[in-house]
Protein backbone atom coordinates (compact mmCIF):
# COMPACT_ATOMS: atom_id res chain seq x y z
CA MET A 1 7.10 22.19 0.01
CA ASN A 2 4.41 20.29 -2.19
CA LYS A 3 5.79 16.87 -3.23
CA HIS A 4 2.69 15.96 -5.32
CA PHE A 5 2.02 12.64 -4.07
CA ILE A 6 -0.94 11.08 -5.78
CA ALA A 7 -2.88 7.54 -5.10
CA GLY A 8 -0.51 4.51 -5.95
CA ASP A 9 2.73 6.25 -5.19
CA ARG A 10 5.20 4.10 -3.26
CA VAL A 11 6.69 6.06 -0.10
CA LYS A 12 8.68 5.56 2.88
CA THR A 13 9.04 7.68 5.83
CA ILE A 14 12.42 9.76 5.89
CA SER A 15 13.53 7.72 8.78
CA GLY A 16 13.07 4.30 7.05
CA GLY A 17 10.27 1.73 7.70
CA PRO A 18 8.25 -0.40 5.37
CA GLU A 19 7.51 0.77 1.94
CA MET A 20 3.70 2.19 1.77
CA THR A 21 1.35 3.11 -0.72
CA ILE A 22 -0.38 6.64 -1.02
CA ARG A 23 -4.15 6.13 -0.63
CA GLY A 24 -4.90 9.69 -1.18
CA GLN A 25 -5.06 13.05 0.68
CA HIS A 26 -6.14 12.77 4.21
CA TYR A 27 -9.66 14.00 5.31
CA ASP A 28 -9.86 15.83 8.43
CA VAL A 29 -13.33 14.94 9.99
CA ASP A 30 -12.99 17.71 12.47
CA THR A 31 -12.54 20.56 10.06
CA ASN A 32 -14.64 18.65 7.33
CA GLU A 33 -11.96 19.17 4.53
CA TYR A 34 -8.91 17.29 2.88
CA CYS A 35 -5.48 18.60 4.40
CA GLU A 36 -3.36 19.64 1.46
CA THR A 37 -0.07 18.33 3.17
CA LYS A 38 -1.37 14.97 4.62
CA PHE A 39 -1.71 11.95 2.87
CA ASP A 40 -3.12 8.38 4.16
CA CYS A 41 -0.76 5.52 3.70
CA ILE A 42 -1.26 1.90 3.85
CA TRP A 43 1.08 -1.07 4.37
CA PHE A 44 1.17 -4.53 5.48
CA ALA A 45 3.04 -5.64 8.60
CA LYS A 46 3.18 -9.18 10.25
CA THR A 47 1.72 -9.91 13.55
CA ASN A 48 3.18 -11.83 16.35
CA GLU A 49 1.20 -14.72 15.07
CA GLY A 50 3.03 -14.40 11.44
CA LYS A 51 -0.09 -13.06 9.72
CA GLU A 52 -0.28 -10.12 7.36
CA GLU A 53 -2.32 -7.23 8.41
CA VAL A 54 -2.93 -4.06 6.65
CA ARG A 55 -1.96 -0.92 8.42
CA TYR A 56 -3.12 2.72 7.61
CA ARG A 57 -2.02 6.12 8.98
CA PRO A 58 -1.97 9.75 7.61
CA PHE A 59 1.41 11.13 7.27
CA ASP A 60 2.61 14.61 6.77
CA GLU A 61 4.00 15.13 3.52
CA ASP A 62 7.35 16.21 4.99
CA GLU A 63 7.98 12.91 6.38
CA LEU A 64 7.55 10.92 3.21
CA VAL A 65 9.89 10.34 0.21
CA LYS A 66 8.96 8.47 -3.01
CA THR A 67 10.39 4.95 -3.62
CA LYS A 68 8.78 4.58 -7.02
CA GLN A 69 6.08 5.91 -9.26
CA HIS A 70 2.87 4.52 -9.36
CA SER A 71 1.55 2.82 -12.49
CA THR A 72 -1.00 3.95 -14.75
CA SER A 73 -3.20 0.70 -14.07
CA THR A 74 -5.99 1.25 -11.66
CA HIS A 75 -5.75 -0.25 -8.24
CA PRO A 76 -8.93 -1.70 -6.66
CA GLY A 77 -9.82 0.05 -3.40
CA VAL A 78 -7.23 2.93 -3.91
CA TYR A 79 -8.87 6.36 -4.19
CA ASN A 80 -7.31 8.71 -6.53
CA SER A 81 -8.81 12.46 -6.32
CA HIS A 82 -7.63 13.04 -9.85
CA GLU A 83 -9.81 10.40 -11.51
CA GLN A 84 -13.46 10.88 -12.30
């Protein structure tokens, strides 16, 4: 089931957790191709010292649900495979 995630979409895992932002389709370096069903997500998390760190992880699309549509504005550092 393709949920049509694009860079900038806000998502959560179906089991909960922090709100994350879709960065783009996941690129598998072992096969040298983009995975159609995996998406790279980024989010912020606090360390034990109280500092915020950026976290990153690929997720299968079946693990994710949208929380909010992305805006049409551009986001620095966010790759959108649909933009030229």
